[in-house]
Amino acid sequence: MEYVLIIHEVKDYEAWKKIFDDAASIRKDAGEQSYHVLKYENNSNKIVHFSKWISLANAKAFFESPKLVEIRKQAGVKAPEFIYLEQLEEGVL
């Protein structure tokens, strides 16, 4: 499995979340299979988006596309950090 971890700050969580939710179909069409949205304990505008993708190539093409750059601007995203990950192991304790 391939995963993407994105850490970024947003100007306004509620405004960002609406745009994030509205983009669900384009994320799915691009190859996102599932996601988690998390926030920092003491900062609700510091967001972590952790998602599973069909391939890292799909994820990179999506996140680096001009369309997504514009959507991030509209959503008030500040300096996103993208970490592309390949699964080595999974377990349940």
N, C-alpha and C. Protein backbone atom coordinates (compact mmCIF):
# COMPACT_ATOMS: atom_id res chain seq x y z
N MET A 1 0.83 -1.19 0.00
CA MET A 1 0.00 0.00 0.00
C MET A 1 0.87 1.25 0.00
N GLU A 2 0.34 2.29 -0.57
CA GLU A 2 1.01 3.58 -0.61
C GLU A 2 0.20 4.60 0.18
N TYR A 3 0.91 5.46 0.88
CA TYR A 3 0.27 6.45 1.74
C TYR A 3 0.89 7.83 1.53
N VAL A 4 0.11 8.84 1.84
CA VAL A 4 0.60 10.22 1.82
C VAL A 4 0.24 10.85 3.15
N LEU A 5 1.23 11.49 3.75
CA LEU A 5 1.04 12.24 4.98
C LEU A 5 1.28 13.71 4.63
N ILE A 6 0.27 14.53 4.87
CA ILE A 6 0.37 15.96 4.59
C ILE A 6 0.18 16.71 5.90
N ILE A 7 1.11 17.58 6.19
CA ILE A 7 1.03 18.42 7.37
C ILE A 7 0.97 19.87 6.89
N HIS A 8 -0.06 20.58 7.33
CA HIS A 8 -0.17 21.98 6.93
C HIS A 8 -1.03 22.76 7.91
N GLU A 9 -0.83 24.05 7.88
CA GLU A 9 -1.66 24.94 8.67
C GLU A 9 -2.67 25.59 7.74
N VAL A 10 -3.86 25.82 8.25
CA VAL A 10 -4.91 26.47 7.48
C VAL A 10 -5.33 27.75 8.19
N LYS A 11 -5.83 28.70 7.42
CA LYS A 11 -6.28 29.97 8.01
C LYS A 11 -7.52 29.76 8.87
N ASP A 12 -8.43 28.90 8.39
CA ASP A 12 -9.71 28.68 9.07
C ASP A 12 -10.13 27.23 8.80
N TYR A 13 -10.16 26.42 9.86
CA TYR A 13 -10.46 25.00 9.69
C TYR A 13 -11.79 24.77 8.99
N GLU A 14 -12.85 25.45 9.42
CA GLU A 14 -14.18 25.22 8.85
C GLU A 14 -14.21 25.51 7.36
N ALA A 15 -13.56 26.60 6.95
CA ALA A 15 -13.51 26.93 5.52
C ALA A 15 -12.70 25.89 4.76
N TRP A 16 -11.57 25.46 5.33
CA TRP A 16 -10.75 24.42 4.70
C TRP A 16 -11.53 23.12 4.57
N LYS A 17 -12.23 22.73 5.63
CA LYS A 17 -12.94 21.45 5.65
C LYS A 17 -14.04 21.40 4.60
N LYS A 18 -14.71 22.50 4.36
CA LYS A 18 -15.74 22.53 3.33
C LYS A 18 -15.13 22.27 1.95
N ILE A 19 -14.03 22.92 1.66
CA ILE A 19 -13.36 22.71 0.37
C ILE A 19 -12.81 21.29 0.28
N PHE A 20 -12.25 20.79 1.38
CA PHE A 20 -11.75 19.41 1.43
C PHE A 20 -12.87 18.42 1.12
N ASP A 21 -14.01 18.59 1.77
CA ASP A 21 -15.15 17.70 1.55
C ASP A 21 -15.68 17.81 0.12
N ASP A 22 -15.74 19.03 -0.41
CA ASP A 22 -16.21 19.23 -1.78
C ASP A 22 -15.30 18.57 -2.81
N ALA A 23 -14.04 18.35 -2.45
CA ALA A 23 -13.07 17.74 -3.37
C ALA A 23 -13.02 16.21 -3.25
N ALA A 24 -13.90 15.62 -2.47
CA ALA A 24 -13.86 14.17 -2.25
C ALA A 24 -13.92 13.38 -3.56
N SER A 25 -14.77 13.77 -4.47
CA SER A 25 -14.90 12.99 -5.71
C SER A 25 -13.66 13.10 -6.59
N ILE A 26 -13.02 14.27 -6.62
CA ILE A 26 -11.80 14.37 -7.44
C ILE A 26 -10.64 13.63 -6.78
N ARG A 27 -10.62 13.59 -5.44
CA ARG A 27 -9.59 12.80 -4.76
C ARG A 27 -9.80 11.32 -5.04
N LYS A 28 -11.03 10.87 -4.98
CA LYS A 28 -11.33 9.45 -5.26
C LYS A 28 -10.97 9.11 -6.70
N ASP A 29 -11.36 9.95 -7.65
CA ASP A 29 -11.04 9.71 -9.06
C ASP A 29 -9.54 9.67 -9.31
N ALA A 30 -8.77 10.40 -8.51
CA ALA A 30 -7.32 10.44 -8.67
C ALA A 30 -6.64 9.22 -8.06
N GLY A 31 -7.35 8.49 -7.19
CA GLY A 31 -6.79 7.27 -6.62
C GLY A 31 -6.69 7.22 -5.11
N GLU A 32 -7.25 8.21 -4.42
CA GLU A 32 -7.27 8.15 -2.96
C GLU A 32 -8.32 7.11 -2.54
N GLN A 33 -7.92 6.20 -1.66
CA GLN A 33 -8.82 5.13 -1.25
C GLN A 33 -9.43 5.35 0.13
N SER A 34 -8.70 5.97 1.02
CA SER A 34 -9.22 6.27 2.35
C SER A 34 -8.38 7.39 2.94
N TYR A 35 -8.88 8.00 4.01
CA TYR A 35 -8.15 9.10 4.61
C TYR A 35 -8.50 9.26 6.09
N HIS A 36 -7.63 9.96 6.78
CA HIS A 36 -7.85 10.42 8.14
C HIS A 36 -7.50 11.90 8.15
N VAL A 37 -8.29 12.70 8.84
CA VAL A 37 -7.97 14.10 9.08
C VAL A 37 -7.79 14.25 10.58
N LEU A 38 -6.63 14.77 10.97
CA LEU A 38 -6.30 14.94 12.38
C LEU A 38 -5.86 16.37 12.61
N LYS A 39 -5.91 16.79 13.85
CA LYS A 39 -5.43 18.13 14.20
C LYS A 39 -4.44 18.03 15.34
N TYR A 40 -3.61 19.04 15.43
CA TYR A 40 -2.69 19.10 16.56
C TYR A 40 -3.50 19.31 17.83
N GLU A 41 -3.04 18.78 18.91
CA GLU A 41 -3.77 18.83 20.18
C GLU A 41 -4.13 20.26 20.60
N ASN A 42 -3.23 21.20 20.41
CA ASN A 42 -3.46 22.55 20.90
C ASN A 42 -3.62 23.58 19.78
N ASN A 43 -3.86 23.12 18.56
CA ASN A 43 -3.99 24.05 17.44
C ASN A 43 -4.92 23.45 16.40
N SER A 44 -6.18 23.86 16.39
CA SER A 44 -7.16 23.26 15.48
C SER A 44 -6.95 23.68 14.03
N ASN A 45 -6.06 24.61 13.77
CA ASN A 45 -5.76 25.00 12.39
C ASN A 45 -4.50 24.32 11.85
N LYS A 46 -3.85 23.48 12.65
CA LYS A 46 -2.70 22.70 12.20
C LYS A 46 -3.22 21.30 11.91
N ILE A 47 -3.28 20.96 10.62
CA ILE A 47 -3.98 19.77 10.15
C ILE A 47 -3.00 18.72 9.63
N VAL A 48 -3.35 17.46 9.88
CA VAL A 48 -2.64 16.32 9.29
C VAL A 48 -3.67 15.55 8.46
N HIS A 49 -3.35 15.36 7.20
CA HIS A 49 -4.20 14.57 6.29
C HIS A 49 -3.38 13.33 5.93
N PHE A 50 -3.84 12.18 6.39
CA PHE A 50 -3.16 10.91 6.14
C PHE A 50 -4.07 10.08 5.25
N SER A 51 -3.57 9.66 4.09
CA SER A 51 -4.44 8.98 3.14
C SER A 51 -3.74 7.81 2.47
N LYS A 52 -4.56 6.83 2.06
CA LYS A 52 -4.09 5.64 1.33
C LYS A 52 -4.42 5.84 -0.14
N TRP A 53 -3.45 5.51 -1.00
CA TRP A 53 -3.59 5.72 -2.45
C TRP A 53 -3.32 4.43 -3.21
N ILE A 54 -3.86 4.36 -4.43
CA ILE A 54 -3.60 3.18 -5.26
C ILE A 54 -2.15 3.17 -5.73
N SER A 55 -1.53 4.35 -5.84
CA SER A 55 -0.11 4.42 -6.19
C SER A 55 0.44 5.78 -5.79
N LEU A 56 1.75 5.82 -5.53
CA LEU A 56 2.38 7.10 -5.22
C LEU A 56 2.43 7.99 -6.45
N ALA A 57 2.55 7.39 -7.63
CA ALA A 57 2.55 8.19 -8.87
C ALA A 57 1.23 8.95 -9.01
N ASN A 58 0.11 8.28 -8.72
CA ASN A 58 -1.19 8.95 -8.77
C ASN A 58 -1.26 10.08 -7.74
N ALA A 59 -0.80 9.81 -6.54
CA ALA A 59 -0.84 10.81 -5.47
C ALA A 59 0.00 12.03 -5.84
N LYS A 60 1.22 11.80 -6.32
CA LYS A 60 2.10 12.92 -6.69
C LYS A 60 1.49 13.73 -7.83
N ALA A 61 0.97 13.04 -8.84
CA ALA A 61 0.36 13.75 -9.97
C ALA A 61 -0.81 14.60 -9.50
N PHE A 62 -1.59 14.08 -8.58
CA PHE A 62 -2.74 14.81 -8.05
C PHE A 62 -2.31 16.02 -7.23
N PHE A 63 -1.48 15.79 -6.23
CA PHE A 63 -1.11 16.87 -5.31
C PHE A 63 -0.24 17.94 -5.96
N GLU A 64 0.48 17.59 -7.02
CA GLU A 64 1.34 18.56 -7.69
C GLU A 64 0.68 19.22 -8.90
N SER A 65 -0.58 18.88 -9.16
CA SER A 65 -1.27 19.44 -10.31
C SER A 65 -1.61 20.91 -10.08
N PRO A 66 -1.63 21.72 -11.15
CA PRO A 66 -2.01 23.13 -11.02
C PRO A 66 -3.40 23.31 -10.41
N LYS A 67 -4.31 22.39 -10.69
CA LYS A 67 -5.66 22.47 -10.13
C LYS A 67 -5.62 22.40 -8.61
N LEU A 68 -4.80 21.48 -8.07
CA LEU A 68 -4.71 21.34 -6.62
C LEU A 68 -3.97 22.50 -5.97
N VAL A 69 -3.00 23.05 -6.66
CA VAL A 69 -2.31 24.23 -6.14
C VAL A 69 -3.32 25.36 -5.95
N GLU A 70 -4.21 25.54 -6.92
CA GLU A 70 -5.24 26.58 -6.82
C GLU A 70 -6.25 26.27 -5.71
N ILE A 71 -6.67 25.02 -5.60
CA ILE A 71 -7.61 24.63 -4.55
C ILE A 71 -7.00 24.89 -3.17
N ARG A 72 -5.71 24.57 -3.00
CA ARG A 72 -5.06 24.83 -1.71
C ARG A 72 -5.05 26.32 -1.39
N LYS A 73 -4.82 27.16 -2.40
CA LYS A 73 -4.86 28.61 -2.18
C LYS A 73 -6.24 29.04 -1.71
N GLN A 74 -7.28 28.55 -2.39
CA GLN A 74 -8.65 28.89 -2.03
C GLN A 74 -8.99 28.42 -0.62
N ALA A 75 -8.40 27.30 -0.22
CA ALA A 75 -8.70 26.71 1.09
C ALA A 75 -7.89 27.34 2.21
N GLY A 76 -6.98 28.24 1.88
CA GLY A 76 -6.19 28.90 2.91
C GLY A 76 -5.10 28.04 3.51
N VAL A 77 -4.57 27.11 2.71
CA VAL A 77 -3.50 26.22 3.17
C VAL A 77 -2.17 26.97 3.15
N LYS A 78 -1.45 26.86 4.26
CA LYS A 78 -0.14 27.50 4.38
C LYS A 78 0.95 26.43 4.32
N ALA A 79 1.88 26.54 3.39
CA ALA A 79 3.10 25.73 3.31
C ALA A 79 2.90 24.25 3.63
N PRO A 80 2.22 23.51 2.77
CA PRO A 80 2.02 22.08 3.05
C PRO A 80 3.33 21.31 2.93
N GLU A 81 3.46 20.30 3.77
CA GLU A 81 4.58 19.36 3.69
C GLU A 81 4.00 18.01 3.28
N PHE A 82 4.48 17.47 2.16
CA PHE A 82 4.02 16.19 1.64
C PHE A 82 5.07 15.13 1.93
N ILE A 83 4.63 14.03 2.52
CA ILE A 83 5.52 12.90 2.79
C ILE A 83 4.87 11.69 2.12
N TYR A 84 5.58 11.12 1.14
CA TYR A 84 5.07 9.96 0.40
C TYR A 84 5.67 8.70 1.01
N LEU A 85 4.81 7.74 1.35
CA LEU A 85 5.22 6.57 2.13
C LEU A 85 4.79 5.27 1.48
N GLU A 86 5.65 4.26 1.58
CA GLU A 86 5.31 2.91 1.14
C GLU A 86 5.22 2.02 2.38
N GLN A 87 4.17 1.23 2.46
CA GLN A 87 3.95 0.38 3.63
C GLN A 87 4.94 -0.76 3.64
N LEU A 88 5.54 -1.00 4.81
CA LEU A 88 6.40 -2.14 5.03
C LEU A 88 5.67 -3.24 5.80
N GLU A 89 4.83 -2.82 6.74
CA GLU A 89 4.20 -3.80 7.61
C GLU A 89 2.95 -3.18 8.24
N GLU A 90 2.01 -4.04 8.61
CA GLU A 90 0.81 -3.60 9.33
C GLU A 90 0.49 -4.66 10.36
N GLY A 91 -0.01 -4.25 11.50
CA GLY A 91 -0.36 -5.21 12.53
C GLY A 91 -1.42 -4.66 13.47
N VAL A 92 -1.98 -5.52 14.25
CA VAL A 92 -2.96 -5.15 15.26
C VAL A 92 -2.49 -5.75 16.57
N LEU A 93 -2.51 -4.95 17.62
CA LEU A 93 -2.09 -5.43 18.94
C LEU A 93 -3.27 -5.54 19.88
